[in-house]
Amino acid sequence: MYNLLKGKKGIIFGALDEKSIAWITAIKCHEEGAEIVLSNAPVAMRMGEINKLAERINAPVIGCDVSNAEDVENLITKTMEHFGGGFDFILHSIGMSINVRKGKHYTEIDYVHNLKTFEISSMSLHRVLACCMKHDALNEWASVVALTYIAAQRVFPDYNEMADAKSLLESVARSFGYHYGVKKHVRVNTISQSPTRTTAGSGVKGFDGFITYAENMSPLGNASAEDCANYTMTLFSDLTKMVTMQNLFHDGGFSSTGVTQGVIEQMEK
């Protein structure tokens, strides 16, 4: 351990079970000295095992429907009460698509469901940051990280409307990153992670194909959930104080690779 986060405090959204990036990040941050508040949607809290994680890292759990302004307000004020003031980092690991769950093809999505997807998966970041700004909840040089995927820039047909949601999420991070940076030196970045075998990710149609293709197209192979947790932790630390408004690819080189010899050979078979 390096004590990278000694004395720091923050909120981690989205820890569902031991496979989730948020879960592993929470453990890593705790090991590096951070104090944490865990949060997830009430339905996810019932489905997952967040209380088991809370006990392990001695963290309170505050339920929050991020599409509900009152819930977000409650989360931020209670977190400040718990910490006795402001805090230093947020992990936004939130995504949900009713259209994907219902098997709707991208060309036939239900637009009411689509708005809900954007509200939860993308604009929730705006809502949380706006509430933090209102209450002066984030300390000087605090760091916010949201998890995204390269489908925001390239077409992956089965990723469906979540590709649009991730594009909007990255835009919110840039725009709010500017305003919060000017106001209080708060950093806001997104991490574009390799396809990762989490409970949520595995629900995407064709997910096994995503993973295999990305593995073959990445010089270093796919980045694991643990790798992502380590990278996220460095962005919460003071070692990256001048990094903001960036979409940071954490994908073993996938995003910069046109084709690999292995893929060529596979195509020639």
Protein backbone atom coordinates (compact mmCIF):
# COMPACT_ATOMS: atom_id res chain seq x y z
CA MET A 1 0.00 0.00 0.00
CA TYR A 2 1.14 3.55 -0.77
CA ASN A 3 -1.27 5.59 1.41
CA LEU A 4 -2.24 7.44 -1.78
CA LEU A 5 -5.60 8.42 -0.36
CA LYS A 6 -4.76 8.89 3.30
CA GLY A 7 -7.10 11.50 4.78
CA LYS A 8 -9.37 11.60 1.73
CA LYS A 9 -13.11 10.97 1.77
CA GLY A 10 -15.55 10.20 -1.00
CA ILE A 11 -18.69 8.64 -2.43
CA ILE A 12 -18.65 5.50 -4.56
CA PHE A 13 -21.77 4.81 -6.62
CA GLY A 14 -22.69 1.48 -8.15
CA ALA A 15 -21.11 -1.29 -6.07
CA LEU A 16 -23.41 -4.25 -6.75
CA ASP A 17 -21.34 -7.36 -6.04
CA GLU A 18 -17.75 -8.58 -5.94
CA LYS A 19 -17.45 -8.50 -9.75
CA SER A 20 -18.26 -4.80 -10.07
CA ILE A 21 -15.58 -2.20 -10.72
CA ALA A 22 -17.12 0.07 -8.07
CA TRP A 23 -16.89 -2.71 -5.46
CA ILE A 24 -13.23 -3.37 -6.16
CA THR A 25 -12.47 0.36 -6.29
CA ALA A 26 -14.06 0.84 -2.88
CA ILE A 27 -11.82 -1.85 -1.40
CA LYS A 28 -8.70 -0.38 -3.04
CA CYS A 29 -9.52 3.14 -1.87
CA HIS A 30 -10.11 1.88 1.67
CA GLU A 31 -6.78 0.06 1.63
CA GLU A 32 -5.07 3.29 0.53
CA GLY A 33 -6.49 5.17 3.52
CA ALA A 34 -9.74 6.68 2.25
CA GLU A 35 -13.04 6.93 4.10
CA ILE A 36 -16.03 6.05 1.93
CA VAL A 37 -19.79 6.40 1.67
CA LEU A 38 -21.42 3.78 -0.54
CA SER A 39 -24.50 4.51 -2.61
CA ASN A 40 -26.71 2.69 -5.08
CA ALA A 41 -30.29 2.69 -6.28
CA PRO A 42 -32.73 1.03 -3.86
CA VAL A 43 -33.52 -1.75 -6.36
CA ALA A 44 -29.81 -2.46 -6.90
CA MET A 45 -29.28 -2.54 -3.14
CA ARG A 46 -31.93 -5.22 -2.85
CA MET A 47 -30.45 -7.25 -5.72
CA GLY A 48 -26.81 -6.93 -4.70
CA GLU A 49 -24.63 -7.46 -1.66
CA ILE A 50 -23.61 -3.90 -0.82
CA ASN A 51 -24.05 -4.37 2.94
CA LYS A 52 -21.36 -7.06 2.86
CA LEU A 53 -18.96 -4.53 1.30
CA ALA A 54 -20.02 -1.84 3.77
CA GLU A 55 -19.12 -4.07 6.68
CA ARG A 56 -15.76 -4.95 5.15
CA ILE A 57 -14.67 -1.33 4.66
CA ASN A 58 -16.63 0.19 7.57
CA ALA A 59 -18.70 2.45 5.31
CA PRO A 60 -22.29 3.66 5.62
CA VAL A 61 -24.72 2.90 2.79
CA ILE A 62 -27.05 5.66 1.63
CA GLY A 63 -29.61 4.66 -0.98
CA CYS A 64 -30.11 7.07 -3.87
CA ASP A 65 -32.21 7.09 -7.02
CA VAL A 66 -30.01 9.44 -9.05
CA SER A 67 -32.96 10.45 -11.24
CA ASN A 68 -34.66 11.91 -8.16
CA ALA A 69 -33.48 15.36 -7.03
CA GLU A 70 -34.61 14.81 -3.43
CA ASP A 71 -32.67 11.55 -3.20
CA VAL A 72 -29.50 13.20 -4.50
CA GLU A 73 -29.96 16.11 -2.10
CA ASN A 74 -30.38 13.65 0.77
CA LEU A 75 -27.27 11.72 -0.23
CA ILE A 76 -25.04 14.79 -0.45
CA THR A 77 -26.24 16.35 2.81
CA LYS A 78 -26.03 13.08 4.75
CA THR A 79 -22.57 12.39 3.35
CA MET A 80 -21.40 15.81 4.53
CA GLU A 81 -22.90 15.14 7.94
CA HIS A 82 -21.11 11.79 8.11
CA PHE A 83 -17.75 13.26 7.12
CA GLY A 84 -18.22 16.45 9.12
CA GLY A 85 -17.81 18.63 6.05
CA GLY A 86 -16.73 18.37 2.43
CA PHE A 87 -15.23 15.38 0.64
CA ASP A 88 -12.61 14.67 -2.00
CA PHE A 89 -13.78 12.21 -4.65
CA ILE A 90 -16.74 10.62 -6.40
CA LEU A 91 -16.91 7.49 -8.53
CA HIS A 92 -19.90 7.49 -10.91
CA SER A 93 -20.38 3.87 -11.93
CA ILE A 94 -24.02 4.07 -12.97
CA GLY A 95 -25.78 2.78 -16.07
CA MET A 96 -29.24 1.44 -16.91
CA SER A 97 -31.25 0.91 -20.09
CA ILE A 98 -34.84 -0.26 -20.11
CA ASN A 99 -34.69 -0.64 -23.90
CA VAL A 100 -31.74 -3.02 -23.61
CA ARG A 101 -33.50 -4.98 -20.87
CA LYS A 102 -36.58 -5.31 -23.05
CA GLY A 103 -34.55 -6.39 -26.07
CA LYS A 104 -35.50 -3.37 -28.17
CA HIS A 105 -33.35 -2.94 -31.27
CA TYR A 106 -31.57 0.42 -31.55
CA THR A 107 -33.70 1.40 -34.56
CA GLU A 108 -36.92 0.68 -32.65
CA ILE A 109 -36.27 2.07 -29.17
CA ASP A 110 -39.05 3.41 -26.97
CA TYR A 111 -38.28 7.12 -26.57
CA VAL A 112 -39.81 7.38 -23.11
CA HIS A 113 -37.49 4.60 -21.96
CA ASN A 114 -34.67 6.34 -23.83
CA LEU A 115 -35.11 9.49 -21.76
CA LYS A 116 -34.92 7.39 -18.59
CA THR A 117 -31.68 5.83 -19.86
CA PHE A 118 -30.15 9.28 -20.36
CA GLU A 119 -31.44 10.53 -17.01
CA ILE A 120 -29.91 7.64 -15.05
CA SER A 121 -26.80 6.83 -17.08
CA SER A 122 -25.70 10.33 -18.10
CA MET A 123 -27.52 13.32 -16.60
CA SER A 124 -27.19 11.77 -13.16
CA LEU A 125 -23.58 12.94 -13.24
CA HIS A 126 -24.78 16.49 -13.89
CA ARG A 127 -27.39 16.23 -11.11
CA VAL A 128 -24.86 14.96 -8.57
CA LEU A 129 -22.25 17.59 -9.45
CA ALA A 130 -24.83 20.40 -9.45
CA CYS A 131 -25.96 19.35 -5.99
CA CYS A 132 -22.35 19.17 -4.78
CA MET A 133 -21.71 22.66 -6.12
CA LYS A 134 -24.87 23.99 -4.48
CA HIS A 135 -23.81 22.66 -1.07
CA ASP A 136 -20.08 23.31 -1.58
CA ALA A 137 -19.64 19.60 -0.89
CA LEU A 138 -16.46 18.91 -2.85
CA ASN A 139 -13.17 20.13 -1.43
CA GLU A 140 -10.56 22.08 -3.37
CA TRP A 141 -8.81 19.81 -5.92
CA ALA A 142 -11.40 17.08 -5.48
CA SER A 143 -11.63 14.44 -8.22
CA VAL A 144 -14.66 12.97 -9.98
CA VAL A 145 -14.45 9.90 -12.23
CA ALA A 146 -17.25 8.42 -14.35
CA LEU A 147 -16.95 5.07 -16.13
CA THR A 148 -17.65 4.93 -19.87
CA TYR A 149 -16.98 2.75 -22.93
CA ILE A 150 -15.53 3.24 -26.42
CA ALA A 151 -18.98 2.70 -27.97
CA ALA A 152 -19.37 6.44 -27.30
CA GLN A 153 -16.97 6.98 -30.24
CA ARG A 154 -17.33 3.83 -32.36
CA VAL A 155 -20.25 1.67 -33.42
CA PHE A 156 -20.83 -1.53 -31.46
CA PRO A 157 -24.33 -2.51 -32.69
CA ASP A 158 -25.42 -4.52 -29.67
CA TYR A 159 -24.40 -1.79 -27.22
CA ASN A 160 -27.59 -0.11 -28.36
CA GLU A 161 -28.73 3.20 -26.83
CA MET A 162 -26.09 2.95 -24.12
CA ALA A 163 -23.61 4.21 -26.74
CA ASP A 164 -25.57 7.47 -26.93
CA ALA A 165 -25.81 7.59 -23.15
CA LYS A 166 -22.04 7.23 -22.78
CA SER A 167 -21.48 9.99 -25.36
CA LEU A 168 -23.69 12.29 -23.31
CA LEU A 169 -21.95 11.23 -20.09
CA GLU A 170 -18.54 12.17 -21.54
CA SER A 171 -19.91 15.53 -22.68
CA VAL A 172 -21.29 16.28 -19.22
CA ALA A 173 -17.91 15.43 -17.69
CA ARG A 174 -16.14 17.87 -20.01
CA SER A 175 -18.65 20.70 -19.61
CA PHE A 176 -19.10 20.42 -15.85
CA GLY A 177 -15.38 19.82 -15.51
CA TYR A 178 -14.78 23.26 -16.97
CA HIS A 179 -17.19 25.04 -14.63
CA TYR A 180 -16.11 23.16 -11.49
CA GLY A 181 -12.45 23.59 -12.41
CA VAL A 182 -12.83 27.36 -12.70
CA LYS A 183 -14.87 27.54 -9.49
CA LYS A 184 -12.89 25.24 -7.19
CA HIS A 185 -10.18 23.30 -9.06
CA VAL A 186 -12.38 20.18 -9.04
CA ARG A 187 -11.28 17.64 -11.65
CA VAL A 188 -13.83 15.68 -13.70
CA ASN A 189 -12.74 12.83 -15.99
CA THR A 190 -14.14 9.71 -17.62
CA ILE A 191 -12.41 6.35 -17.91
CA SER A 192 -13.17 4.37 -21.06
CA GLN A 193 -12.66 0.85 -19.78
CA SER A 194 -12.21 -2.43 -21.65
CA PRO A 195 -15.32 -4.61 -21.78
CA THR A 196 -15.33 -6.12 -18.30
CA ARG A 197 -17.11 -9.24 -17.11
CA THR A 198 -19.30 -7.67 -14.44
CA THR A 199 -22.88 -8.62 -13.56
CA ALA A 200 -24.21 -5.50 -15.30
CA GLY A 201 -21.94 -5.75 -18.34
CA SER A 202 -22.76 -9.37 -18.97
CA GLY A 203 -26.38 -8.38 -19.62
CA VAL A 204 -25.45 -6.76 -22.95
CA LYS A 205 -26.30 -8.91 -25.98
CA GLY A 206 -23.20 -10.42 -27.61
CA PHE A 207 -21.05 -9.55 -24.60
CA ASP A 208 -18.80 -12.62 -24.91
CA GLY A 209 -18.03 -11.59 -28.47
CA PHE A 210 -17.17 -8.07 -27.26
CA ILE A 211 -14.69 -9.46 -24.76
CA THR A 212 -13.03 -11.89 -27.16
CA TYR A 213 -12.72 -9.32 -29.95
CA ALA A 214 -11.29 -6.66 -27.61
CA GLU A 215 -8.81 -9.16 -26.17
CA ASN A 216 -7.56 -10.01 -29.66
CA MET A 217 -7.39 -6.35 -30.68
CA SER A 218 -5.53 -5.08 -27.61
CA PRO A 219 -1.72 -5.35 -27.52
CA LEU A 220 -1.83 -5.72 -23.73
CA GLY A 221 -5.12 -7.60 -23.61
CA ASN A 222 -8.23 -6.39 -21.83
CA ALA A 223 -7.87 -4.33 -18.66
CA SER A 224 -9.45 -6.12 -15.69
CA ALA A 225 -11.81 -4.62 -13.12
CA GLU A 226 -8.91 -4.58 -10.65
CA ASP A 227 -6.73 -2.73 -13.17
CA CYS A 228 -9.50 -0.16 -13.58
CA ALA A 229 -9.84 0.23 -9.82
CA ASN A 230 -6.11 0.93 -9.53
CA TYR A 231 -6.26 3.51 -12.33
CA THR A 232 -9.30 5.19 -10.79
CA MET A 233 -7.48 5.40 -7.49
CA THR A 234 -4.59 7.30 -9.07
CA LEU A 235 -7.08 9.83 -10.44
CA PHE A 236 -8.43 10.34 -6.93
CA SER A 237 -4.92 10.94 -5.63
CA ASP A 238 -2.86 14.15 -5.62
CA LEU A 239 -0.54 12.65 -8.25
CA THR A 240 -2.96 13.63 -11.03
CA LYS A 241 -4.01 17.11 -9.91
CA MET A 242 -3.74 18.68 -13.38
CA VAL A 243 -5.75 16.05 -15.26
CA THR A 244 -9.31 17.13 -15.97
CA MET A 245 -12.02 17.10 -18.68
CA GLN A 246 -10.38 14.05 -20.27
CA ASN A 247 -11.77 10.80 -21.60
CA LEU A 248 -9.00 8.42 -20.60
CA PHE A 249 -8.80 5.11 -22.46
CA HIS A 250 -7.95 2.22 -20.16
CA ASP A 251 -8.17 -0.65 -22.59
CA GLY A 252 -4.80 -2.30 -23.19
CA GLY A 253 -4.26 -0.24 -26.36
CA PHE A 254 -7.51 -1.25 -28.08
CA SER A 255 -8.51 2.36 -28.85
CA SER A 256 -5.29 3.05 -30.78
CA THR A 257 -5.06 -0.24 -32.68
CA GLY A 258 -6.31 -0.55 -36.25
CA VAL A 259 -5.84 -4.30 -36.47
CA THR A 260 -3.57 -6.92 -34.93
CA GLN A 261 -1.70 -9.74 -36.62
CA GLY A 262 -3.74 -12.22 -34.63
CA VAL A 263 -7.01 -10.81 -35.96
CA ILE A 264 -5.67 -10.83 -39.53
CA GLU A 265 -4.68 -14.45 -39.21
CA GLN A 266 -8.08 -15.34 -37.78
CA MET A 267 -9.83 -13.62 -40.69
CA GLU A 268 -7.70 -15.52 -43.22
CA LYS A 269 -8.68 -18.92 -41.85
